[in-house]
């Protein structure tokens, strides 16, 4: 997979998330199905996650380790109580 394919996959992954959040589950499904294979899907979402975390790190000034630790705590909490409400405020330490 070349760089153009990787960034196209990340863009498609962002589209999946956007469609899901606006309630377009059929659109999200169609975008997921448009990935050529599981490896491309995995790489697209992995690149999207890295880009999103980098944006967050730049905007907050936190280290990547601090951000990952905070996300890990949110994942653990969501595993117990369900995912947080969409659009909720980010809770700073």
PDB file of N, CA and C in Angstrom:
ATOM      1  N   UNK A   1       0.853  -1.179   0.000  1.00  0.00           N
ATOM      2  CA  UNK A   1       0.000   0.000   0.000  1.00  0.00           C
ATOM      3  C   UNK A   1       0.896   1.238   0.000  1.00  0.00           C
ATOM      4  N   UNK A   2       0.622   2.158  -0.939  1.00  0.00           N
ATOM      5  CA  UNK A   2       1.417   3.384  -0.994  1.00  0.00           C
ATOM      6  C   UNK A   2       0.769   4.468  -0.128  1.00  0.00           C
ATOM      7  N   UNK A   3       1.451   5.604  -0.031  1.00  0.00           N
ATOM      8  CA  UNK A   3       0.976   6.679   0.839  1.00  0.00           C
ATOM      9  C   UNK A   3      -0.402   7.188   0.415  1.00  0.00           C
ATOM     10  N   UNK A   4      -0.636   7.299  -0.882  1.00  0.00           N
ATOM     11  CA  UNK A   4      -1.937   7.787  -1.357  1.00  0.00           C
ATOM     12  C   UNK A   4      -3.053   6.840  -0.923  1.00  0.00           C
ATOM     13  N   UNK A   5      -2.812   5.530  -1.020  1.00  0.00           N
ATOM     14  CA  UNK A   5      -3.805   4.542  -0.575  1.00  0.00           C
ATOM     15  C   UNK A   5      -4.041   4.645   0.930  1.00  0.00           C
ATOM     16  N   UNK A   6      -2.964   4.849   1.689  1.00  0.00           N
ATOM     17  CA  UNK A   6      -3.086   4.944   3.148  1.00  0.00           C
ATOM     18  C   UNK A   6      -3.926   6.150   3.538  1.00  0.00           C
ATOM     19  N   UNK A   7      -3.673   7.295   2.906  1.00  0.00           N
ATOM     20  CA  UNK A   7      -4.441   8.500   3.244  1.00  0.00           C
ATOM     21  C   UNK A   7      -5.875   8.407   2.741  1.00  0.00           C
ATOM     22  N   UNK A   8      -6.094   7.743   1.608  1.00  0.00           N
ATOM     23  CA  UNK A   8      -7.465   7.514   1.136  1.00  0.00           C
ATOM     24  C   UNK A   8      -8.216   6.632   2.134  1.00  0.00           C
ATOM     25  N   UNK A   9      -7.524   5.645   2.691  1.00  0.00           N
ATOM     26  CA  UNK A   9      -8.128   4.786   3.708  1.00  0.00           C
ATOM     27  C   UNK A   9      -8.470   5.552   4.969  1.00  0.00           C
ATOM     28  N   UNK A  10      -7.595   6.448   5.382  1.00  0.00           N
ATOM     29  CA  UNK A  10      -7.863   7.270   6.569  1.00  0.00           C
ATOM     30  C   UNK A  10      -9.056   8.189   6.324  1.00  0.00           C
ATOM     31  N   UNK A  11      -9.146   8.737   5.118  1.00  0.00           N
ATOM     32  CA  UNK A  11     -10.282   9.594   4.767  1.00  0.00           C
ATOM     33  C   UNK A  11     -11.580   8.785   4.783  1.00  0.00           C
ATOM     34  N   UNK A  12     -11.519   7.575   4.247  1.00  0.00           N
ATOM     35  CA  UNK A  12     -12.699   6.707   4.248  1.00  0.00           C
ATOM     36  C   UNK A  12     -13.097   6.361   5.682  1.00  0.00           C
ATOM     37  N   UNK A  13     -12.113   6.084   6.538  1.00  0.00           N
ATOM     38  CA  UNK A  13     -12.380   5.770   7.942  1.00  0.00           C
ATOM     39  C   UNK A  13     -13.043   6.961   8.637  1.00  0.00           C
ATOM     40  N   UNK A  14     -12.569   8.165   8.349  1.00  0.00           N
ATOM     41  CA  UNK A  14     -13.195   9.357   8.922  1.00  0.00           C
ATOM     42  C   UNK A  14     -14.637   9.474   8.440  1.00  0.00           C
ATOM     43  N   UNK A  15     -14.875   9.131   7.189  1.00  0.00           N
ATOM     44  CA  UNK A  15     -16.228   9.152   6.653  1.00  0.00           C
ATOM     45  C   UNK A  15     -17.143   8.161   7.343  1.00  0.00           C
ATOM     46  N   UNK A  16     -16.609   6.990   7.684  1.00  0.00           N
ATOM     47  CA  UNK A  16     -17.384   5.982   8.412  1.00  0.00           C
ATOM     48  C   UNK A  16     -17.841   6.550   9.752  1.00  0.00           C
ATOM     49  N   UNK A  17     -16.920   7.166  10.467  1.00  0.00           N
ATOM     50  CA  UNK A  17     -17.237   7.721  11.787  1.00  0.00           C
ATOM     51  C   UNK A  17     -18.231   8.876  11.659  1.00  0.00           C
ATOM     52  N   UNK A  18     -18.016   9.754  10.683  1.00  0.00           N
ATOM     53  CA  UNK A  18     -18.927  10.877  10.489  1.00  0.00           C
ATOM     54  C   UNK A  18     -20.333  10.385  10.145  1.00  0.00           C
ATOM     55  N   UNK A  19     -20.432   9.403   9.256  1.00  0.00           N
ATOM     56  CA  UNK A  19     -21.743   8.866   8.879  1.00  0.00           C
ATOM     57  C   UNK A  19     -22.438   8.250  10.086  1.00  0.00           C
ATOM     58  N   UNK A  20     -21.700   7.510  10.875  1.00  0.00           N
ATOM     59  CA  UNK A  20     -22.284   6.887  12.065  1.00  0.00           C
ATOM     60  C   UNK A  20     -22.830   7.942  13.024  1.00  0.00           C
ATOM     61  N   UNK A  21     -22.081   9.011  13.226  1.00  0.00           N
ATOM     62  CA  UNK A  21     -22.479  10.044  14.185  1.00  0.00           C
ATOM     63  C   UNK A  21     -23.638  10.903  13.704  1.00  0.00           C
ATOM     64  N   UNK A  22     -23.865  10.929  12.407  1.00  0.00           N
ATOM     65  CA  UNK A  22     -25.049  11.657  11.940  1.00  0.00           C
ATOM     66  C   UNK A  22     -26.233  10.710  11.733  1.00  0.00           C
ATOM     67  N   UNK A  23     -26.056   9.451  12.157  1.00  0.00           N
ATOM     68  CA  UNK A  23     -27.149   8.479  12.112  1.00  0.00           C
ATOM     69  C   UNK A  23     -27.308   7.766  10.784  1.00  0.00           C
ATOM     70  N   UNK A  24     -26.347   7.916   9.897  1.00  0.00           N
ATOM     71  CA  UNK A  24     -26.403   7.276   8.579  1.00  0.00           C
ATOM     72  C   UNK A  24     -25.687   5.929   8.639  1.00  0.00           C
ATOM     73  N   UNK A  25     -26.334   4.952   9.259  1.00  0.00           N
ATOM     74  CA  UNK A  25     -25.703   3.648   9.430  1.00  0.00           C
ATOM     75  C   UNK A  25     -25.499   2.931   8.101  1.00  0.00           C
ATOM     76  N   UNK A  26     -26.410   3.122   7.153  1.00  0.00           N
ATOM     77  CA  UNK A  26     -26.246   2.507   5.832  1.00  0.00           C
ATOM     78  C   UNK A  26     -25.022   3.099   5.119  1.00  0.00           C
ATOM     79  N   UNK A  27     -24.852   4.408   5.228  1.00  0.00           N
ATOM     80  CA  UNK A  27     -23.676   5.048   4.626  1.00  0.00           C
ATOM     81  C   UNK A  27     -22.386   4.566   5.260  1.00  0.00           C
ATOM     82  N   UNK A  28     -22.388   4.432   6.595  1.00  0.00           N
ATOM     83  CA  UNK A  28     -21.209   3.921   7.294  1.00  0.00           C
ATOM     84  C   UNK A  28     -20.900   2.507   6.831  1.00  0.00           C
ATOM     85  N   UNK A  29     -21.939   1.693   6.697  1.00  0.00           N
ATOM     86  CA  UNK A  29     -21.757   0.312   6.235  1.00  0.00           C
ATOM     87  C   UNK A  29     -21.183   0.292   4.824  1.00  0.00           C
ATOM     88  N   UNK A  30     -21.718   1.137   3.943  1.00  0.00           N
ATOM     89  CA  UNK A  30     -21.230   1.191   2.569  1.00  0.00           C
ATOM     90  C   UNK A  30     -19.770   1.622   2.510  1.00  0.00           C
ATOM     91  N   UNK A  31     -19.393   2.602   3.335  1.00  0.00           N
ATOM     92  CA  UNK A  31     -17.993   3.041   3.355  1.00  0.00           C
ATOM     93  C   UNK A  31     -17.075   1.933   3.882  1.00  0.00           C
ATOM     94  N   UNK A  32     -17.531   1.215   4.905  1.00  0.00           N
ATOM     95  CA  UNK A  32     -16.734   0.092   5.410  1.00  0.00           C
ATOM     96  C   UNK A  32     -16.547  -0.970   4.326  1.00  0.00           C
ATOM     97  N   UNK A  33     -17.617  -1.236   3.589  1.00  0.00           N
ATOM     98  CA  UNK A  33     -17.556  -2.249   2.529  1.00  0.00           C
ATOM     99  C   UNK A  33     -16.660  -1.805   1.368  1.00  0.00           C
ATOM    100  N   UNK A  34     -16.417  -0.498   1.239  1.00  0.00           N
ATOM    101  CA  UNK A  34     -15.600   0.020   0.141  1.00  0.00           C
ATOM    102  C   UNK A  34     -14.107  -0.213   0.340  1.00  0.00           C
ATOM    103  N   UNK A  35     -13.700  -0.570   1.561  1.00  0.00           N
ATOM    104  CA  UNK A  35     -12.280  -0.913   1.754  1.00  0.00           C
ATOM    105  C   UNK A  35     -11.993  -2.176   0.949  1.00  0.00           C
ATOM    106  N   UNK A  36     -10.847  -2.217   0.265  1.00  0.00           N
ATOM    107  CA  UNK A  36     -10.571  -3.386  -0.575  1.00  0.00           C
ATOM    108  C   UNK A  36     -10.332  -4.681   0.218  1.00  0.00           C
ATOM    109  N   UNK A  37      -9.829  -4.552   1.446  1.00  0.00           N
ATOM    110  CA  UNK A  37      -9.596  -5.737   2.269  1.00  0.00           C
ATOM    111  C   UNK A  37      -9.420  -5.330   3.730  1.00  0.00           C
ATOM    112  N   UNK A  38      -9.322  -6.308   4.607  1.00  0.00           N
ATOM    113  CA  UNK A  38      -9.212  -6.041   6.043  1.00  0.00           C
ATOM    114  C   UNK A  38      -7.926  -5.290   6.386  1.00  0.00           C
ATOM    115  N   UNK A  39      -6.843  -5.590   5.688  1.00  0.00           N
ATOM    116  CA  UNK A  39      -5.582  -4.890   5.950  1.00  0.00           C
ATOM    117  C   UNK A  39      -5.716  -3.402   5.637  1.00  0.00           C
ATOM    118  N   UNK A  40      -6.340  -3.073   4.520  1.00  0.00           N
ATOM    119  CA  UNK A  40      -6.530  -1.661   4.159  1.00  0.00           C
ATOM    120  C   UNK A  40      -7.424  -0.969   5.180  1.00  0.00           C
ATOM    121  N   UNK A  41      -8.462  -1.662   5.644  1.00  0.00           N
ATOM    122  CA  UNK A  41      -9.355  -1.094   6.657  1.00  0.00           C
ATOM    123  C   UNK A  41      -8.588  -0.825   7.952  1.00  0.00           C
ATOM    124  N   UNK A  42      -7.820  -1.787   8.378  1.00  0.00           N
ATOM    125  CA  UNK A  42      -7.044  -1.642   9.615  1.00  0.00           C
ATOM    126  C   UNK A  42      -6.049  -0.491   9.493  1.00  0.00           C
ATOM    127  N   UNK A  43      -5.351  -0.428   8.377  1.00  0.00           N
ATOM    128  CA  UNK A  43      -4.367   0.639   8.190  1.00  0.00           C
ATOM    129  C   UNK A  43      -5.043   2.007   8.099  1.00  0.00           C
ATOM    130  N   UNK A  44      -6.203   2.076   7.477  1.00  0.00           N
ATOM    131  CA  UNK A  44      -6.922   3.345   7.382  1.00  0.00           C
ATOM    132  C   UNK A  44      -7.328   3.865   8.747  1.00  0.00           C
ATOM    133  N   UNK A  45      -7.900   2.979   9.578  1.00  0.00           N
ATOM    134  CA  UNK A  45      -8.314   3.411  10.913  1.00  0.00           C
ATOM    135  C   UNK A  45      -7.104   3.697  11.811  1.00  0.00           C
ATOM    136  N   UNK A  46      -6.013   2.961  11.617  1.00  0.00           N
ATOM    137  CA  UNK A  46      -4.814   3.207  12.413  1.00  0.00           C
ATOM    138  C   UNK A  46      -4.212   4.576  12.081  1.00  0.00           C
ATOM    139  N   UNK A  47      -4.154   4.916  10.788  1.00  0.00           N
ATOM    140  CA  UNK A  47      -3.629   6.221  10.387  1.00  0.00           C
ATOM    141  C   UNK A  47      -4.552   7.338  10.873  1.00  0.00           C
ATOM    142  N   UNK A  48      -5.859   7.131  10.780  1.00  0.00           N
ATOM    143  CA  UNK A  48      -6.805   8.128  11.287  1.00  0.00           C
ATOM    144  C   UNK A  48      -6.601   8.353  12.779  1.00  0.00           C
ATOM    145  N   UNK A  49      -6.434   7.278  13.546  1.00  0.00           N
ATOM    146  CA  UNK A  49      -6.211   7.411  14.990  1.00  0.00           C
ATOM    147  C   UNK A  49      -4.931   8.187  15.269  1.00  0.00           C
ATOM    148  N   UNK A  50      -3.866   7.872  14.550  1.00  0.00           N
ATOM    149  CA  UNK A  50      -2.602   8.589  14.759  1.00  0.00           C
ATOM    150  C   UNK A  50      -2.744  10.076  14.438  1.00  0.00           C
ATOM    151  N   UNK A  51      -3.431  10.392  13.348  1.00  0.00           N
ATOM    152  CA  UNK A  51      -3.636  11.798  12.990  1.00  0.00           C
ATOM    153  C   UNK A  51      -4.481  12.512  14.038  1.00  0.00           C
ATOM    154  N   UNK A  52      -5.550  11.874  14.496  1.00  0.00           N
ATOM    155  CA  UNK A  52      -6.418  12.487  15.505  1.00  0.00           C
ATOM    156  C   UNK A  52      -5.665  12.710  16.813  1.00  0.00           C
ATOM    157  N   UNK A  53      -4.874  11.729  17.228  1.00  0.00           N
ATOM    158  CA  UNK A  53      -4.102  11.875  18.462  1.00  0.00           C
ATOM    159  C   UNK A  53      -3.042  12.973  18.326  1.00  0.00           C
ATOM    160  N   UNK A  54      -2.457  13.088  17.158  1.00  0.00           N
ATOM    161  CA  UNK A  54      -1.463  14.139  16.931  1.00  0.00           C
ATOM    162  C   UNK A  54      -2.118  15.514  16.996  1.00  0.00           C
ATOM    163  N   UNK A  55      -3.308  15.659  16.414  1.00  0.00           N
ATOM    164  CA  UNK A  55      -4.033  16.931  16.505  1.00  0.00           C
ATOM    165  C   UNK A  55      -4.340  17.252  17.963  1.00  0.00           C
ATOM    166  N   UNK A  56      -4.825  16.271  18.707  1.00  0.00           N
ATOM    167  CA  UNK A  56      -5.142  16.472  20.121  1.00  0.00           C
ATOM    168  C   UNK A  56      -3.892  16.861  20.910  1.00  0.00           C
ATOM    169  N   UNK A  57      -2.781  16.182  20.642  1.00  0.00           N
ATOM    170  CA  UNK A  57      -1.524  16.492  21.339  1.00  0.00           C
ATOM    171  C   UNK A  57      -1.092  17.921  21.051  1.00  0.00           C
ATOM    172  N   UNK A  58      -1.207  18.324  19.800  1.00  0.00           N
ATOM    173  CA  UNK A  58      -0.814  19.683  19.411  1.00  0.00           C
ATOM    174  C   UNK A  58      -1.696  20.731  20.082  1.00  0.00           C
ATOM    175  N   UNK A  59      -2.997  20.462  20.150  1.00  0.00           N
ATOM    176  CA  UNK A  59      -3.928  21.434  20.719  1.00  0.00           C
ATOM    177  C   UNK A  59      -3.873  21.504  22.240  1.00  0.00           C
ATOM    178  N   UNK A  60      -3.551  20.392  22.895  1.00  0.00           N
ATOM    179  CA  UNK A  60      -3.564  20.380  24.362  1.00  0.00           C
ATOM    180  C   UNK A  60      -2.199  20.618  24.984  1.00  0.00           C
ATOM    181  N   UNK A  61      -1.144  20.316  24.241  1.00  0.00           N
ATOM    182  CA  UNK A  61       0.196  20.424  24.810  1.00  0.00           C
ATOM    183  C   UNK A  61       0.583  19.213  25.655  1.00  0.00           C
ATOM    184  N   UNK A  62      -0.328  18.247  25.766  1.00  0.00           N
ATOM    185  CA  UNK A  62      -0.010  17.034  26.518  1.00  0.00           C
ATOM    186  C   UNK A  62       0.915  16.144  25.692  1.00  0.00           C
ATOM    187  N   UNK A  63       1.627  15.268  26.373  1.00  0.00           N
ATOM    188  CA  UNK A  63       2.445  14.298  25.656  1.00  0.00           C
ATOM    189  C   UNK A  63       1.540  13.201  25.105  1.00  0.00           C
ATOM    190  N   UNK A  64       2.038  12.476  24.126  1.00  0.00           N
ATOM    191  CA  UNK A  64       1.269  11.370  23.572  1.00  0.00           C
ATOM    192  C   UNK A  64       0.990  10.335  24.657  1.00  0.00           C
ATOM    193  N   UNK A  65       1.940  10.094  25.541  1.00  0.00           N
ATOM    194  CA  UNK A  65       1.725   9.146  26.645  1.00  0.00           C
ATOM    195  C   UNK A  65       0.576   9.599  27.544  1.00  0.00           C
ATOM    196  N   UNK A  66       0.501  10.894  27.846  1.00  0.00           N
ATOM    197  CA  UNK A  66      -0.586  11.409  28.686  1.00  0.00           C
ATOM    198  C   UNK A  66      -1.941  11.237  27.988  1.00  0.00           C
ATOM    199  N   UNK A  67      -1.971  11.510  26.703  1.00  0.00           N
ATOM    200  CA  UNK A  67      -3.216  11.374  25.952  1.00  0.00           C
ATOM    201  C   UNK A  67      -3.652   9.915  25.893  1.00  0.00           C
ATOM    202  N   UNK A  68      -2.719   9.030  25.620  1.00  0.00           N
ATOM    203  CA  UNK A  68      -3.049   7.605  25.549  1.00  0.00           C
ATOM    204  C   UNK A  68      -3.508   7.097  26.911  1.00  0.00           C
ATOM    205  N   UNK A  69      -2.889   7.566  27.975  1.00  0.00           N
ATOM    206  CA  UNK A  69      -3.313   7.164  29.317  1.00  0.00           C
ATOM    207  C   UNK A  69      -4.753   7.619  29.576  1.00  0.00           C
ATOM    208  N   UNK A  70      -5.082   8.854  29.206  1.00  0.00           N
ATOM    209  CA  UNK A  70      -6.437   9.372  29.396  1.00  0.00           C
ATOM    210  C   UNK A  70      -7.441   8.573  28.568  1.00  0.00           C
ATOM    211  N   UNK A  71      -7.093   8.279  27.333  1.00  0.00           N
ATOM    212  CA  UNK A  71      -7.983   7.487  26.477  1.00  0.00           C
ATOM    213  C   UNK A  71      -8.174   6.094  27.064  1.00  0.00           C
ATOM    214  N   UNK A  72      -7.117   5.503  27.576  1.00  0.00           N
ATOM    215  CA  UNK A  72      -7.215   4.175  28.187  1.00  0.00           C
ATOM    216  C   UNK A  72      -8.181   4.184  29.370  1.00  0.00           C
ATOM    217  N   UNK A  73      -8.146   5.251  30.159  1.00  0.00           N
ATOM    218  CA  UNK A  73      -9.086   5.372  31.284  1.00  0.00           C
ATOM    219  C   UNK A  73     -10.521   5.494  30.785  1.00  0.00           C
ATOM    220  N   UNK A  74     -10.722   6.248  29.714  1.00  0.00           N
ATOM    221  CA  UNK A  74     -12.064   6.395  29.133  1.00  0.00           C
ATOM    222  C   UNK A  74     -12.559   5.063  28.559  1.00  0.00           C
ATOM    223  N   UNK A  75     -11.673   4.315  27.938  1.00  0.00           N
ATOM    224  CA  UNK A  75     -12.044   3.006  27.400  1.00  0.00           C
ATOM    225  C   UNK A  75     -12.457   2.075  28.530  1.00  0.00           C
ATOM    226  N   UNK A  76     -11.680   2.074  29.603  1.00  0.00           N
ATOM    227  CA  UNK A  76     -12.010   1.223  30.754  1.00  0.00           C
ATOM    228  C   UNK A  76     -13.353   1.612  31.352  1.00  0.00           C
ATOM    229  N   UNK A  77     -13.610   2.912  31.472  1.00  0.00           N
ATOM    230  CA  UNK A  77     -14.885   3.374  32.026  1.00  0.00           C
ATOM    231  C   UNK A  77     -16.043   3.012  31.095  1.00  0.00           C
ATOM    232  N   UNK A  78     -15.833   3.158  29.788  1.00  0.00           N
ATOM    233  CA  UNK A  78     -16.883   2.831  28.825  1.00  0.00           C
ATOM    234  C   UNK A  78     -17.183   1.338  28.814  1.00  0.00           C
ATOM    235  N   UNK A  79     -16.177   0.523  29.083  1.00  0.00           N
ATOM    236  CA  UNK A  79     -16.392  -0.925  29.136  1.00  0.00           C
ATOM    237  C   UNK A  79     -17.330  -1.288  30.274  1.00  0.00           C
ATOM    238  N   UNK A  80     -17.339  -0.480  31.320  1.00  0.00           N
ATOM    239  CA  UNK A  80     -18.193  -0.735  32.482  1.00  0.00           C
ATOM    240  C   UNK A  80     -19.556  -0.077  32.321  1.00  0.00           C
ATOM    241  N   UNK A  81     -19.582   1.180  31.870  1.00  0.00           N
ATOM    242  CA  UNK A  81     -20.829   1.950  31.881  1.00  0.00           C
ATOM    243  C   UNK A  81     -21.389   2.278  30.507  1.00  0.00           C
ATOM    244  N   UNK A  82     -20.724   1.910  29.460  1.00  0.00           N
ATOM    245  CA  UNK A  82     -21.162   2.266  28.117  1.00  0.00           C
ATOM    246  C   UNK A  82     -20.427   3.500  27.643  1.00  0.00           C
ATOM    247  N   UNK A  83     -20.466   3.749  26.338  1.00  0.00           N
ATOM    248  CA  UNK A  83     -19.731   4.896  25.797  1.00  0.00           C
ATOM    249  C   UNK A  83     -20.290   6.217  26.301  1.00  0.00           C
ATOM    250  N   UNK A  84     -19.440   7.253  26.372  1.00  0.00           N
ATOM    251  CA  UNK A  84     -19.906   8.567  26.826  1.00  0.00           C
ATOM    252  C   UNK A  84     -20.875   9.161  25.812  1.00  0.00           C
ATOM    253  N   UNK A  85     -21.689  10.087  26.277  1.00  0.00           N
ATOM    254  CA  UNK A  85     -22.636  10.775  25.391  1.00  0.00           C
ATOM    255  C   UNK A  85     -21.851  11.582  24.373  1.00  0.00           C
ATOM    256  N   UNK A  86     -22.348  11.593  23.149  1.00  0.00           N
ATOM    257  CA  UNK A  86     -21.681  12.342  22.071  1.00  0.00           C
ATOM    258  C   UNK A  86     -21.701  13.827  22.402  1.00  0.00           C
ATOM    259  N   UNK A  87     -20.570  14.464  22.140  1.00  0.00           N
ATOM    260  CA  UNK A  87     -20.501  15.914  22.330  1.00  0.00           C
ATOM    261  C   UNK A  87     -20.246  16.347  23.751  1.00  0.00           C
ATOM    262  N   UNK A  88     -20.008  15.401  24.636  1.00  0.00           N
ATOM    263  CA  UNK A  88     -19.737  15.752  26.026  1.00  0.00           C
ATOM    264  C   UNK A  88     -18.406  16.464  26.154  1.00  0.00           C
ATOM    265  N   UNK A  89     -18.251  17.241  27.180  1.00  0.00           N
ATOM    266  CA  UNK A  89     -17.002  17.990  27.346  1.00  0.00           C
ATOM    267  C   UNK A  89     -15.839  17.066  27.673  1.00  0.00           C
ATOM    268  N   UNK A  90     -14.680  17.458  27.240  1.00  0.00           N
ATOM    269  CA  UNK A  90     -13.459  16.737  27.582  1.00  0.00           C
ATOM    270  C   UNK A  90     -13.129  17.072  29.019  1.00  0.00           C
ATOM    271  N   UNK A  91     -12.860  16.057  29.812  1.00  0.00           N
ATOM    272  CA  UNK A  91     -12.579  16.309  31.217  1.00  0.00           C
ATOM    273  C   UNK A  91     -11.086  16.405  31.430  1.00  0.00           C
ATOM    274  N   UNK A  92     -10.636  17.612  31.743  1.00  0.00           N
ATOM    275  CA  UNK A  92      -9.216  17.829  32.005  1.00  0.00           C
ATOM    276  C   UNK A  92      -8.885  17.432  33.418  1.00  0.00           C
ATOM    277  N   UNK A  93      -7.651  16.981  33.570  1.00  0.00           N
ATOM    278  CA  UNK A  93      -7.204  16.564  34.902  1.00  0.00           C
ATOM    279  C   UNK A  93      -6.870  17.749  35.744  1.00  0.00           C
TER     280      UNK A  93
END
